[in-house]
Structures are given as structure tokens and as C-alpha cells.
Amino acid sequence: MLMLLVPPAWADDVLDQVRAMLQPQPIAVGHFRQTKQLAFLQQPLVSEGEFVYAQSGGVIWNTVSPVASTVLIGGDRMISEQGEQALPPSFGQLIPALLGGDFARLRADFEIQGSVQARSWRLQFLPKDPLLAKIVAELVLSGDSDLRGFDILESGGNRSSTVFEHISHPAQLTPAQAAEFERLSP
């Protein structure tokens, strides 16, 4: 696949092509498999679980293996079993913007490179925000009508690769999912 370094006007063209292929929905649920390579470990860490994206609420990230945990991300907040954390706005909106295909939001914080094939696309994001650049060096998204995966190269050399499968778009959240998102409400 040819990756093009594109000036801003061409980046708009690539994003328009990706938007035409990508069909973000208000709700997306599916399975994820995440492989994280830490700079100090020879073997990667692998986790799997389920995610729920709600345009109006954020993301529920339920890891089921190797250790069960739930993380809620929305706006400038993240809630986990360890408690609540404030997030820099650009980071707190990153995962919801990724899953929702909110390129306008992502464009505010990243320089964009990309390529489009007949049935797939790939976009590379380089952070503009110095605070975000301390965490993320590069972000690569790929997909078709849905986001199918993203790779994050952290500034410290760690790398994670997340693949999404079995994505569906239910008409509404389950009561349990809605209750989880309520926890993110101010």
C-alpha cells in the first residue's frame, strides 16, 4: 500500500474519500485484540475484550483477558477500577474520535497522511499538540466501512496494535451500557 505525505488540501481529499467509505454510526460494539510491545519486554502483552462506543457518551473498554477490567473514557475523564483520572482534552477525546471517525476532531490535534484503496483506507496521524506528543509519537488507523484497527507508537518507544472484529451497530445501548455511560456524566 502506498502511503502518501499529503499537504493540507490533499489531506482533505484523502479524508473525504475515507469519510465516503467509513460509515460511522452513533453506536458501535465489537471485540478487540490488543498487542502491546513494551520497550523493556521481549514478549508482547496481549489482551482481548469487548468495546462499546456511543457517540453521545464515549467508550467502554471491557478487557476480559488476561485480567478482567473496565475502563470508561469520555471527554476529559477516565474511570477505571483504580478510580477517576482527569485527562488532557486532546487525549481524552482521542479514542472516542477514533472509533467515531471524527476526523475534524482528530485534525485539530494531528497532521495527517493517508492512502485509499478500492475497499480499504489507512491514515497516519502525527501529533501537533506538545502535551499529546509526550504520550503519542504516531497513530495509524485502518479500516473499510468501520475502523478495523489502530496502532499507537508511544513517545517512549512502546507500541500497541489494536484490531477490531465482529463490529455491530445496535439501534440503542443496553440498560447496563447506558448505566456505565451515566458514570461519565458530570
Protein backbone atom coordinates (compact mmCIF):
# COMPACT_ATOMS: atom_id res chain seq x y z
CA MET A 1 0.00 0.00 0.00
CA LEU A 2 1.41 3.38 -0.97
CA MET A 3 1.45 5.92 1.86
CA LEU A 4 1.31 9.49 0.68
CA LEU A 5 2.64 12.52 2.54
CA VAL A 6 -0.07 14.98 1.66
CA PRO A 7 -0.30 18.74 2.02
CA PRO A 8 -3.38 20.02 3.89
CA ALA A 9 -5.53 20.47 0.74
CA TRP A 10 -4.74 16.91 -0.40
CA ALA A 11 -5.28 15.63 3.13
CA ASP A 12 -8.82 17.00 2.84
CA ASP A 13 -9.27 14.96 -0.36
CA VAL A 14 -8.00 11.78 1.32
CA LEU A 15 -10.22 12.41 4.35
CA ASP A 16 -13.21 13.00 2.06
CA GLN A 17 -12.53 9.64 0.38
CA VAL A 18 -12.21 7.91 3.75
CA ARG A 19 -15.40 9.57 5.02
CA ALA A 20 -17.21 8.26 1.92
CA MET A 21 -16.08 4.70 2.78
CA LEU A 22 -16.38 4.91 6.55
CA GLN A 23 -19.92 4.78 7.82
CA PRO A 24 -19.70 5.84 11.47
CA GLN A 25 -22.79 5.05 13.48
CA PRO A 26 -23.96 6.53 16.80
CA ILE A 27 -23.24 3.18 18.49
CA ALA A 28 -20.63 0.53 17.71
CA VAL A 29 -19.88 -2.62 19.69
CA GLY A 30 -17.37 -5.32 19.00
CA HIS A 31 -14.42 -7.43 20.02
CA PHE A 32 -10.86 -6.14 20.31
CA ARG A 33 -7.48 -7.79 20.48
CA GLN A 34 -4.64 -5.57 21.61
CA THR A 35 -0.96 -6.42 21.41
CA LYS A 36 1.35 -4.13 23.35
CA GLN A 37 5.11 -4.28 22.90
CA LEU A 38 6.86 -2.62 25.82
CA ALA A 39 10.42 -1.47 25.19
CA PHE A 40 11.75 -3.39 28.21
CA LEU A 41 9.99 -6.73 27.47
CA GLN A 42 10.86 -9.27 24.78
CA GLN A 43 7.37 -10.77 24.58
CA PRO A 44 4.33 -8.59 23.85
CA LEU A 45 1.41 -8.29 26.23
CA VAL A 46 -1.85 -9.45 24.63
CA SER A 47 -5.31 -8.54 25.86
CA GLU A 48 -8.77 -9.16 24.49
CA GLY A 49 -12.22 -7.93 25.27
CA GLU A 50 -15.25 -6.03 24.15
CA PHE A 51 -15.76 -2.35 23.45
CA VAL A 52 -18.82 -0.13 23.26
CA TYR A 53 -18.65 3.24 21.53
CA ALA A 54 -21.52 5.70 21.95
CA GLN A 55 -21.27 8.99 20.12
CA SER A 56 -23.13 10.66 22.98
CA GLY A 57 -21.15 9.07 25.80
CA GLY A 58 -17.64 7.89 24.98
CA VAL A 59 -16.13 4.41 25.16
CA ILE A 60 -16.50 1.42 27.45
CA TRP A 61 -13.38 -0.76 27.18
CA ASN A 62 -14.00 -4.16 28.83
CA THR A 63 -10.86 -6.27 28.94
CA VAL A 64 -11.71 -9.92 29.61
CA SER A 65 -8.23 -11.48 29.37
CA PRO A 66 -5.65 -11.82 30.69
CA VAL A 67 -7.11 -9.76 33.57
CA ALA A 68 -10.69 -8.54 33.64
CA SER A 69 -11.03 -4.77 33.87
CA THR A 70 -13.28 -1.99 32.66
CA VAL A 71 -12.25 1.49 31.61
CA LEU A 72 -14.69 4.27 30.73
CA ILE A 73 -13.37 7.14 28.59
CA GLY A 74 -15.32 10.28 27.79
CA GLY A 75 -14.48 13.94 27.40
CA ASP A 76 -11.72 14.77 29.82
CA ARG A 77 -12.34 11.86 32.20
CA MET A 78 -11.31 8.25 32.51
CA ILE A 79 -12.82 5.94 35.11
CA SER A 80 -11.36 2.54 36.00
CA GLU A 81 -11.23 0.22 38.99
CA GLN A 82 -8.34 2.38 40.24
CA GLY A 83 -10.59 5.45 40.32
CA GLU A 84 -11.12 8.52 38.20
CA GLN A 85 -8.42 10.40 36.31
CA ALA A 86 -8.53 13.73 34.57
CA LEU A 87 -7.18 13.54 31.05
CA PRO A 88 -5.72 16.22 28.80
CA PRO A 89 -8.62 17.17 26.50
CA SER A 90 -6.81 16.05 23.34
CA PHE A 91 -6.07 12.62 24.86
CA GLY A 92 -9.48 12.12 26.47
CA GLN A 93 -11.20 12.65 23.14
CA LEU A 94 -8.73 10.57 21.12
CA ILE A 95 -10.29 7.09 21.49
CA PRO A 96 -13.90 8.28 21.05
CA ALA A 97 -12.83 10.31 17.98
CA LEU A 98 -11.03 7.26 16.56
CA LEU A 99 -13.99 4.94 16.99
CA GLY A 100 -16.45 7.56 15.76
CA GLY A 101 -14.46 8.62 12.70
CA ASP A 102 -14.41 12.22 13.94
CA PHE A 103 -11.64 13.40 11.63
CA ALA A 104 -12.40 17.06 12.27
CA ARG A 105 -11.62 16.47 15.94
CA LEU A 106 -8.51 14.46 15.11
CA ARG A 107 -7.36 17.02 12.54
CA ALA A 108 -7.25 19.67 15.25
CA ASP A 109 -4.53 17.72 17.08
CA PHE A 110 -2.73 15.83 14.29
CA GLU A 111 -1.01 16.24 10.93
CA ILE A 112 -2.46 13.66 8.55
CA GLN A 113 -1.02 11.37 5.87
CA GLY A 114 -3.06 8.72 4.14
CA SER A 115 -3.92 6.36 1.36
CA VAL A 116 -7.12 4.91 -0.01
CA GLN A 117 -7.56 1.60 -1.85
CA ALA A 118 -10.71 0.29 -3.53
CA ARG A 119 -12.14 -1.21 -0.31
CA SER A 120 -9.84 -0.03 2.45
CA TRP A 121 -8.06 3.02 3.81
CA ARG A 122 -5.12 3.85 6.04
CA LEU A 123 -4.40 7.12 7.82
CA GLN A 124 -1.33 8.19 9.77
CA PHE A 125 -1.61 10.93 12.40
CA LEU A 126 1.34 12.85 13.84
CA PRO A 127 0.55 14.95 16.96
CA LYS A 128 0.60 18.75 16.80
CA ASP A 129 -0.17 19.22 20.50
CA PRO A 130 3.11 19.11 22.51
CA LEU A 131 1.32 17.59 25.52
CA LEU A 132 -0.11 14.80 23.36
CA ALA A 133 3.27 14.34 21.61
CA LYS A 134 4.80 13.49 25.00
CA ILE A 135 2.49 10.45 25.03
CA VAL A 136 1.87 9.54 21.36
CA ALA A 137 4.52 9.80 18.62
CA GLU A 138 2.39 8.35 15.83
CA LEU A 139 -1.07 6.92 15.33
CA VAL A 140 -2.09 4.76 12.35
CA LEU A 141 -5.73 3.90 11.62
CA SER A 142 -7.00 1.43 9.05
CA GLY A 143 -10.41 0.25 8.03
CA ASP A 144 -13.17 -0.04 5.50
CA SER A 145 -16.77 0.90 6.36
CA ASP A 146 -15.68 0.64 10.02
CA LEU A 147 -12.45 1.31 11.85
CA ARG A 148 -10.75 -2.12 11.83
CA GLY A 149 -7.62 -1.29 13.76
CA PHE A 150 -5.20 1.27 15.07
CA ASP A 151 -1.55 1.27 16.01
CA ILE A 152 -0.07 3.66 18.54
CA LEU A 153 3.64 4.34 18.76
CA GLU A 154 4.25 5.96 22.12
CA SER A 155 6.94 8.58 22.54
CA GLY A 156 8.82 6.30 24.94
CA GLY A 157 9.16 3.55 22.32
CA ASN A 158 6.27 1.33 23.38
CA ARG A 159 3.91 0.23 20.61
CA SER A 160 0.38 -1.11 20.72
CA SER A 161 -1.70 -2.60 17.94
CA THR A 162 -5.46 -2.99 18.31
CA VAL A 163 -7.63 -4.99 15.92
CA PHE A 164 -11.44 -4.81 15.94
CA GLU A 165 -13.67 -7.71 14.91
CA HIS A 166 -17.35 -8.62 14.99
CA ILE A 167 -18.44 -4.98 14.89
CA SER A 168 -22.15 -4.29 15.02
CA HIS A 169 -24.24 -1.15 15.26
CA PRO A 170 -27.24 -1.67 17.55
CA ALA A 171 -30.02 0.90 17.49
CA GLN A 172 -29.63 1.60 21.22
CA LEU A 173 -27.48 0.84 24.22
CA THR A 174 -28.44 -1.92 26.61
CA PRO A 175 -29.56 -0.71 30.07
CA ALA A 176 -26.22 -1.90 31.54
CA GLN A 177 -24.24 0.02 28.90
CA ALA A 178 -26.33 3.16 29.45
CA ALA A 179 -25.71 2.89 33.21
CA GLU A 180 -21.94 2.68 32.61
CA PHE A 181 -22.02 5.82 30.47
CA GLU A 182 -24.03 7.62 33.17
CA ARG A 183 -20.94 7.30 35.38
CA LEU A 184 -19.14 9.62 32.94
CA SER A 185 -21.81 12.32 33.16
CA PRO A 186 -20.73 15.37 35.18
